[in-house]
Amino acid sequence: MSIPITGISSMATRQVLAELADAYARATGCALRFESVGGVDAARRVRAGEPFDLVVLARDAIDELIAAGLAVAGSRVDLVHSDVAIAVRAGAPRPDIGSEAALRQAVLAARSVGYSTGPSGSALLRLFERWGIGGAMRGRLVQAPAGVPVGQLVAQGEVELGFQQRSELLHLPGIALLGAMPPGAGIRTTFSAARCSASAQPAAVDALLQYLCSPAAADAKRRHGMEPA
């Protein structure tokens, strides 16, 4: 029996990696164990020396791990492009988000706005500053704890308007997905994978990485609200 390949990822890719890991295991007999946590926590655990075989994070975070010698230079593959979408609680009024100006007004009108700890959350705060509403939003911004979907806060009524990767909102009950952010305000993250330097089975991991970025994985990525990179 082969040694399981272990991986860690951010929450944004949890669902698609679960589907792809299952398909790969059925096709090859190779056992896979993915753990998905907040992206900041995933990077911290790799930096702390936990013996994962591969890591899946935003491309910039992967590059930082490669620069630190914790992921293997040359092993990085880009997996998906992931856009931020917007949600409200199921049954709540659906604000107009069809243009950048309309979205800005919807944000200003919201009693509370939820965002994530990941790169998309940082990009959203920069967008608010560009719009000149950073100060006006203080006190109304709610950052979801690491590993907690923004959509969960929306469903529970803790925030009125939620922004997160579409893949993390797509399958959550209790919310209504309004759609992607409009042209001029879109936030897109590229998620990549790399072999960890701690891996003791480089050939097996590299074969998995090639599958994850192959055409065979494309349909699963689209089903989970992402585009193949």
Protein backbone atom coordinates (compact mmCIF):
# COMPACT_ATOMS: atom_id res chain seq x y z
CA MET A 1 0.00 0.00 0.00
CA SER A 2 1.37 3.42 -0.96
CA ILE A 3 2.07 6.09 1.62
CA PRO A 4 -0.71 8.71 1.50
CA ILE A 5 0.17 12.07 -0.01
CA THR A 6 -0.68 14.80 2.48
CA GLY A 7 -1.54 18.34 1.52
CA ILE A 8 -2.72 21.55 3.12
CA SER A 9 -4.68 24.31 1.43
CA SER A 10 -6.67 27.44 2.08
CA MET A 11 -10.45 27.13 2.38
CA ALA A 12 -11.10 28.59 -1.08
CA THR A 13 -9.94 25.40 -2.81
CA ARG A 14 -11.33 22.91 -0.27
CA GLN A 15 -14.28 21.65 -2.31
CA VAL A 16 -12.50 21.32 -5.65
CA LEU A 17 -9.48 19.62 -4.09
CA ALA A 18 -11.75 17.11 -2.35
CA GLU A 19 -13.36 16.19 -5.66
CA LEU A 20 -10.06 16.02 -7.55
CA ALA A 21 -8.36 14.02 -4.79
CA ASP A 22 -11.17 11.48 -4.90
CA ALA A 23 -10.99 11.19 -8.69
CA TYR A 24 -7.20 10.83 -8.63
CA ALA A 25 -7.33 8.18 -5.91
CA ARG A 26 -9.89 6.15 -7.86
CA ALA A 27 -7.83 6.40 -11.05
CA THR A 28 -4.41 5.65 -9.56
CA GLY A 29 -4.93 3.96 -6.21
CA CYS A 30 -2.85 6.72 -4.60
CA ALA A 31 -4.28 7.80 -1.25
CA LEU A 32 -4.55 11.55 -0.63
CA ARG A 33 -5.25 13.49 2.54
CA PHE A 34 -5.96 17.21 2.17
CA GLU A 35 -6.51 19.52 5.10
CA SER A 36 -8.10 22.90 4.40
CA VAL A 37 -7.75 25.79 6.85
CA GLY A 38 -7.42 29.56 6.67
CA GLY A 39 -4.69 30.53 4.22
CA VAL A 40 -2.66 32.38 6.85
CA ASP A 41 -2.78 29.31 9.11
CA ALA A 42 -1.82 26.98 6.25
CA ALA A 43 1.28 29.03 5.42
CA ARG A 44 2.19 29.27 9.11
CA ARG A 45 1.99 25.51 9.55
CA VAL A 46 4.23 24.88 6.53
CA ARG A 47 6.68 27.44 7.93
CA ALA A 48 6.56 25.65 11.29
CA GLY A 49 7.85 22.50 9.63
CA GLU A 50 4.77 20.29 9.56
CA PRO A 51 5.59 17.50 7.10
CA PHE A 52 3.13 18.08 4.27
CA ASP A 53 3.83 16.82 0.78
CA LEU A 54 2.20 19.72 -1.05
CA VAL A 55 0.62 23.07 -0.34
CA VAL A 56 -2.13 24.96 -2.22
CA LEU A 57 -2.40 28.71 -1.59
CA ALA A 58 -2.62 32.02 -3.39
CA ARG A 59 0.26 32.28 -5.84
CA ASP A 60 2.05 35.03 -3.89
CA ALA A 61 1.97 32.92 -0.72
CA ILE A 62 3.40 29.92 -2.60
CA ASP A 63 6.19 32.10 -3.98
CA GLU A 64 7.03 33.25 -0.45
CA LEU A 65 7.29 29.63 0.70
CA ILE A 66 9.56 28.86 -2.26
CA ALA A 67 11.75 31.86 -1.43
CA ALA A 68 12.00 30.61 2.16
CA GLY A 69 13.09 27.16 0.98
CA LEU A 70 9.94 25.49 2.31
CA ALA A 71 8.51 24.65 -1.13
CA VAL A 72 10.51 23.41 -4.09
CA ALA A 73 11.54 25.91 -6.73
CA GLY A 74 10.28 24.80 -10.13
CA SER A 75 7.48 22.65 -8.71
CA ARG A 76 4.83 25.38 -8.61
CA VAL A 77 1.83 24.96 -10.89
CA ASP A 78 -1.03 27.43 -11.22
CA LEU A 79 -4.35 25.67 -10.66
CA VAL A 80 -7.28 28.09 -10.80
CA HIS A 81 -8.34 31.70 -11.15
CA SER A 82 -10.90 32.51 -8.48
CA ASP A 83 -13.16 35.58 -8.45
CA VAL A 84 -14.78 37.23 -5.46
CA ALA A 85 -18.57 37.16 -5.40
CA ILE A 86 -21.17 38.88 -3.23
CA ALA A 87 -23.93 37.37 -1.10
CA VAL A 88 -26.85 38.42 1.09
CA ARG A 89 -28.98 36.36 3.43
CA ALA A 90 -31.61 34.22 1.69
CA GLY A 91 -34.83 36.20 1.40
CA ALA A 92 -33.16 39.57 2.04
CA PRO A 93 -33.45 42.46 -0.44
CA ARG A 94 -30.98 42.12 -3.31
CA PRO A 95 -29.11 45.39 -3.89
CA ASP A 96 -28.01 46.49 -7.34
CA ILE A 97 -24.38 45.50 -7.96
CA GLY A 98 -24.46 45.82 -11.73
CA SER A 99 -21.88 48.60 -11.96
CA GLU A 100 -19.00 49.84 -9.89
CA ALA A 101 -21.00 52.91 -8.85
CA ALA A 102 -23.99 50.77 -7.86
CA LEU A 103 -21.81 48.42 -5.82
CA ARG A 104 -20.18 51.34 -4.03
CA GLN A 105 -23.64 52.61 -3.10
CA ALA A 106 -24.73 49.15 -1.94
CA VAL A 107 -21.68 48.92 0.31
CA LEU A 108 -22.34 52.35 1.78
CA ALA A 109 -25.99 51.42 2.40
CA ALA A 110 -25.19 48.12 4.13
CA ARG A 111 -25.35 48.04 7.92
CA SER A 112 -22.45 45.59 7.96
CA VAL A 113 -20.04 44.09 5.43
CA GLY A 114 -18.23 40.77 5.83
CA TYR A 115 -14.86 39.94 4.32
CA SER A 116 -12.22 37.23 4.64
CA THR A 117 -8.75 37.00 6.12
CA GLY A 118 -7.22 35.98 2.78
CA PRO A 119 -5.80 37.99 -0.12
CA SER A 120 -9.29 38.77 -1.42
CA GLY A 121 -10.16 40.43 1.88
CA SER A 122 -7.08 42.65 1.70
CA ALA A 123 -7.93 43.53 -1.89
CA LEU A 124 -11.47 44.48 -0.85
CA LEU A 125 -10.17 46.89 1.80
CA ARG A 126 -7.89 48.47 -0.81
CA LEU A 127 -10.91 48.85 -3.10
CA PHE A 128 -12.83 50.68 -0.38
CA GLU A 129 -9.86 53.02 0.10
CA ARG A 130 -9.75 53.67 -3.67
CA TRP A 131 -13.43 54.51 -3.55
CA GLY A 132 -12.74 56.95 -0.71
CA ILE A 133 -15.04 55.13 1.73
CA GLY A 134 -12.49 53.45 3.98
CA GLY A 135 -13.26 55.82 6.84
CA ALA A 136 -17.02 55.59 6.37
CA MET A 137 -16.88 51.79 6.60
CA ARG A 138 -14.99 51.63 9.91
CA GLY A 139 -17.18 50.06 12.52
CA ARG A 140 -19.27 48.25 9.90
CA LEU A 141 -16.61 45.84 8.63
CA VAL A 142 -16.63 42.29 10.01
CA GLN A 143 -13.69 40.02 9.23
CA ALA A 144 -14.61 36.35 9.36
CA PRO A 145 -12.30 34.31 11.63
CA ALA A 146 -9.75 32.19 9.78
CA GLY A 147 -11.44 29.08 8.41
CA VAL A 148 -14.98 30.47 8.84
CA PRO A 149 -16.78 31.23 5.56
CA VAL A 150 -18.06 34.78 5.19
CA GLY A 151 -21.26 33.21 3.88
CA GLN A 152 -21.83 31.58 7.26
CA LEU A 153 -21.91 35.03 8.87
CA VAL A 154 -24.31 36.18 6.15
CA ALA A 155 -26.61 33.18 6.68
CA GLN A 156 -26.66 33.79 10.43
CA GLY A 157 -27.55 37.44 9.95
CA GLU A 158 -24.31 38.67 11.45
CA VAL A 159 -23.44 40.64 8.31
CA GLU A 160 -25.73 42.11 5.68
CA LEU A 161 -23.41 41.98 2.66
CA GLY A 162 -20.67 39.38 2.27
CA PHE A 163 -17.66 39.26 -0.05
CA GLN A 164 -15.61 36.09 -0.59
CA GLN A 165 -14.31 33.72 -3.22
CA ARG A 166 -17.24 32.40 -5.26
CA SER A 167 -16.08 28.84 -4.54
CA GLU A 168 -16.63 29.41 -0.81
CA LEU A 169 -20.10 30.90 -1.24
CA LEU A 170 -21.39 28.56 -3.94
CA HIS A 171 -22.51 25.61 -1.81
CA LEU A 172 -23.54 27.35 1.40
CA PRO A 173 -27.18 27.18 2.52
CA GLY A 174 -29.04 30.20 3.81
CA ILE A 175 -27.58 32.77 1.42
CA ALA A 176 -28.43 34.28 -1.95
CA LEU A 177 -25.52 34.72 -4.31
CA LEU A 178 -25.81 38.09 -6.06
CA GLY A 179 -23.03 37.38 -8.52
CA ALA A 180 -19.52 38.52 -9.30
CA MET A 181 -18.22 42.00 -8.68
CA PRO A 182 -18.79 44.33 -11.65
CA PRO A 183 -16.17 45.41 -14.21
CA GLY A 184 -13.65 47.80 -12.73
CA ALA A 185 -14.09 46.39 -9.23
CA GLY A 186 -13.40 42.70 -9.76
CA ILE A 187 -11.05 40.84 -7.42
CA ARG A 188 -9.35 37.73 -8.81
CA THR A 189 -6.90 35.43 -7.03
CA THR A 190 -4.76 32.77 -8.70
CA PHE A 191 -4.30 29.70 -6.53
CA SER A 192 -1.21 27.58 -7.07
CA ALA A 193 0.26 24.38 -5.73
CA ALA A 194 3.83 23.33 -4.99
CA ARG A 195 5.69 20.39 -3.52
CA CYS A 196 6.85 20.99 0.02
CA SER A 197 10.56 20.62 0.66
CA ALA A 198 9.69 18.24 3.52
CA SER A 199 8.10 15.70 1.16
CA ALA A 200 9.72 12.27 1.12
CA GLN A 201 7.94 11.18 -2.10
CA PRO A 202 8.74 13.80 -4.72
CA ALA A 203 7.89 11.68 -7.79
CA ALA A 204 4.41 10.85 -6.52
CA VAL A 205 3.73 14.46 -5.57
CA ASP A 206 4.92 15.78 -8.92
CA ALA A 207 2.61 13.34 -10.71
CA LEU A 208 -0.31 14.61 -8.63
CA LEU A 209 0.61 18.23 -9.36
CA GLN A 210 0.57 17.53 -13.07
CA TYR A 211 -2.89 16.01 -12.76
CA LEU A 212 -4.21 18.97 -10.77
CA CYS A 213 -3.28 21.38 -13.57
CA SER A 214 -4.25 19.07 -16.45
CA PRO A 215 -7.30 19.34 -18.74
CA ALA A 216 -8.78 16.35 -16.87
CA ALA A 217 -9.29 18.60 -13.84
CA ALA A 218 -10.89 21.51 -15.70
CA ASP A 219 -14.56 20.53 -15.40
CA ALA A 220 -14.33 20.06 -11.64
CA LYS A 221 -12.78 23.51 -11.28
CA ARG A 222 -15.62 25.12 -13.19
CA ARG A 223 -18.23 23.22 -11.16
CA HIS A 224 -16.80 24.85 -8.06
CA GLY A 225 -16.95 28.39 -9.41
CA MET A 226 -13.36 28.71 -10.61
CA GLU A 227 -11.60 28.91 -13.95
CA PRO A 228 -8.64 26.67 -14.87
CA ALA A 229 -5.40 28.65 -14.74
